[in-house]
Amino acid sequence: MPNAKAQEGYDTVLAQRGERSDSLLKRITSWLFYKIFSYLADIDYDGEVGNFRIMSRSVVANFCQMREQLRFFVGLIQWMGFPTASITVNS
């Protein structure tokens, strides 16, 4: 349960995709894109994690204080360095 992870003290709880029903081509091209993206952006980006997440008030407040015009949400949340956990979600 995602709320349990948040109550354990994690400031961010990520929703990681479980089983996927996408075609093989879609999975391969997605994997390749995120590998190249991670290399070029110099971040450890997991393509299996979506934008759906639970965030504490302190994470949201810090994010709102950032002055970046073009925000890369996932990268900025990860960059802030708050304790993070993930749960597996099947769609």
C-alpha atoms as a PDB file:
ATOM      1  CA  MET A   1       0.000   0.000   0.000  1.00  0.00           C
ATOM      2  CA  PRO A   2       1.557   3.351  -1.059  1.00  0.00           C
ATOM      3  CA  ASN A   3       0.335   5.195   2.002  1.00  0.00           C
ATOM      4  CA  ALA A   4       2.222   2.725   4.232  1.00  0.00           C
ATOM      5  CA  LYS A   5       5.524   3.692   2.596  1.00  0.00           C
ATOM      6  CA  ALA A   6       4.746   7.373   3.138  1.00  0.00           C
ATOM      7  CA  GLN A   7       3.947   6.678   6.779  1.00  0.00           C
ATOM      8  CA  GLU A   8       7.289   4.863   7.153  1.00  0.00           C
ATOM      9  CA  GLY A   9       8.954   8.232   6.552  1.00  0.00           C
ATOM     10  CA  TYR A  10       9.591   8.325   2.807  1.00  0.00           C
ATOM     11  CA  ASP A  11       9.003  11.799   1.398  1.00  0.00           C
ATOM     12  CA  THR A  12       8.399  10.478  -2.106  1.00  0.00           C
ATOM     13  CA  VAL A  13       6.699   7.184  -3.014  1.00  0.00           C
ATOM     14  CA  LEU A  14       7.026   6.286  -6.700  1.00  0.00           C
ATOM     15  CA  ALA A  15       4.622   4.146  -8.733  1.00  0.00           C
ATOM     16  CA  GLN A  16       6.712   1.597 -10.638  1.00  0.00           C
ATOM     17  CA  ARG A  17       5.012  -0.234 -13.496  1.00  0.00           C
ATOM     18  CA  GLY A  18       4.537  -3.951 -12.970  1.00  0.00           C
ATOM     19  CA  GLU A  19       3.351  -6.097 -15.844  1.00  0.00           C
ATOM     20  CA  ARG A  20       3.095  -4.251 -19.128  1.00  0.00           C
ATOM     21  CA  SER A  21       0.844  -5.140 -22.028  1.00  0.00           C
ATOM     22  CA  ASP A  22       2.818  -3.104 -24.582  1.00  0.00           C
ATOM     23  CA  SER A  23       4.184  -4.681 -27.745  1.00  0.00           C
ATOM     24  CA  LEU A  24       7.775  -5.910 -27.892  1.00  0.00           C
ATOM     25  CA  LEU A  25       8.704  -3.057 -30.248  1.00  0.00           C
ATOM     26  CA  LYS A  26       7.264  -0.480 -27.835  1.00  0.00           C
ATOM     27  CA  ARG A  27       9.165  -1.963 -24.875  1.00  0.00           C
ATOM     28  CA  ILE A  28      12.461  -2.105 -26.793  1.00  0.00           C
ATOM     29  CA  THR A  29      12.230   1.451 -28.145  1.00  0.00           C
ATOM     30  CA  SER A  30      11.151   2.748 -24.729  1.00  0.00           C
ATOM     31  CA  TRP A  31      14.077   0.995 -23.034  1.00  0.00           C
ATOM     32  CA  LEU A  32      16.504   2.372 -25.632  1.00  0.00           C
ATOM     33  CA  PHE A  33      15.135   5.908 -25.290  1.00  0.00           C
ATOM     34  CA  TYR A  34      15.518   5.921 -21.506  1.00  0.00           C
ATOM     35  CA  LYS A  35      19.042   4.479 -21.679  1.00  0.00           C
ATOM     36  CA  ILE A  36      20.122   7.235 -24.094  1.00  0.00           C
ATOM     37  CA  PHE A  37      18.226   9.879 -22.111  1.00  0.00           C
ATOM     38  CA  SER A  38      19.865   8.817 -18.834  1.00  0.00           C
ATOM     39  CA  TYR A  39      23.294   8.975 -20.420  1.00  0.00           C
ATOM     40  CA  LEU A  40      22.791  12.410 -22.006  1.00  0.00           C
ATOM     41  CA  ALA A  41      21.083  13.936 -18.959  1.00  0.00           C
ATOM     42  CA  ASP A  42      23.639  12.361 -16.601  1.00  0.00           C
ATOM     43  CA  ILE A  43      20.944  11.090 -14.234  1.00  0.00           C
ATOM     44  CA  ASP A  44      19.877   7.604 -13.210  1.00  0.00           C
ATOM     45  CA  TYR A  45      16.390   7.580 -14.755  1.00  0.00           C
ATOM     46  CA  ASP A  46      14.202   4.488 -14.490  1.00  0.00           C
ATOM     47  CA  GLY A  47      11.783   4.285 -17.422  1.00  0.00           C
ATOM     48  CA  GLU A  48       9.560   1.899 -15.464  1.00  0.00           C
ATOM     49  CA  VAL A  49       8.646   4.643 -12.988  1.00  0.00           C
ATOM     50  CA  GLY A  50       5.811   6.944 -13.942  1.00  0.00           C
ATOM     51  CA  ASN A  51       4.996  10.479 -12.857  1.00  0.00           C
ATOM     52  CA  PHE A  52       2.392   9.233 -10.403  1.00  0.00           C
ATOM     53  CA  ARG A  53       3.723   9.531  -6.879  1.00  0.00           C
ATOM     54  CA  ILE A  54       2.971  10.577  -3.344  1.00  0.00           C
ATOM     55  CA  MET A  55       5.020  13.534  -2.149  1.00  0.00           C
ATOM     56  CA  SER A  56       5.282  15.097   1.290  1.00  0.00           C
ATOM     57  CA  ARG A  57       4.462  18.751   1.835  1.00  0.00           C
ATOM     58  CA  SER A  58       8.180  19.572   2.179  1.00  0.00           C
ATOM     59  CA  VAL A  59       8.946  18.086  -1.265  1.00  0.00           C
ATOM     60  CA  VAL A  60       6.116  20.082  -2.863  1.00  0.00           C
ATOM     61  CA  ALA A  61       7.177  23.295  -1.094  1.00  0.00           C
ATOM     62  CA  ASN A  62      10.792  22.895  -2.266  1.00  0.00           C
ATOM     63  CA  PHE A  63       9.687  22.139  -5.802  1.00  0.00           C
ATOM     64  CA  CYS A  64       7.446  25.232  -5.883  1.00  0.00           C
ATOM     65  CA  GLN A  65      10.362  27.431  -4.803  1.00  0.00           C
ATOM     66  CA  MET A  66      12.458  26.445  -7.826  1.00  0.00           C
ATOM     67  CA  ARG A  67      12.740  29.215 -10.394  1.00  0.00           C
ATOM     68  CA  GLU A  68      13.370  27.060 -13.463  1.00  0.00           C
ATOM     69  CA  GLN A  69      11.280  28.065 -16.463  1.00  0.00           C
ATOM     70  CA  LEU A  70      11.370  24.654 -18.154  1.00  0.00           C
ATOM     71  CA  ARG A  71      10.965  22.133 -15.359  1.00  0.00           C
ATOM     72  CA  PHE A  72      11.917  18.513 -15.844  1.00  0.00           C
ATOM     73  CA  PHE A  73       9.685  17.265 -13.046  1.00  0.00           C
ATOM     74  CA  VAL A  74      11.185  13.802 -12.525  1.00  0.00           C
ATOM     75  CA  GLY A  75      14.765  15.037 -12.626  1.00  0.00           C
ATOM     76  CA  LEU A  76      14.177  17.907 -10.207  1.00  0.00           C
ATOM     77  CA  ILE A  77      12.338  15.732  -7.694  1.00  0.00           C
ATOM     78  CA  GLN A  78      15.177  13.198  -7.803  1.00  0.00           C
ATOM     79  CA  TRP A  79      17.821  15.951  -7.612  1.00  0.00           C
ATOM     80  CA  MET A  80      16.362  17.335  -4.353  1.00  0.00           C
ATOM     81  CA  GLY A  81      17.440  14.106  -2.651  1.00  0.00           C
ATOM     82  CA  PHE A  82      14.516  13.389  -0.345  1.00  0.00           C
ATOM     83  CA  PRO A  83      14.109   9.796   0.928  1.00  0.00           C
ATOM     84  CA  THR A  84      12.355   7.828  -1.801  1.00  0.00           C
ATOM     85  CA  ALA A  85      10.681   4.425  -2.041  1.00  0.00           C
ATOM     86  CA  SER A  86       8.794   2.734  -4.851  1.00  0.00           C
ATOM     87  CA  ILE A  87       5.873   0.356  -5.064  1.00  0.00           C
ATOM     88  CA  THR A  88       4.848  -1.871  -7.963  1.00  0.00           C
ATOM     89  CA  VAL A  89       1.568  -0.977  -9.646  1.00  0.00           C
ATOM     90  CA  ASN A  90      -0.150  -3.192 -12.219  1.00  0.00           C
ATOM     91  CA  SER A  91      -2.362  -1.398 -14.696  1.00  0.00           C
END
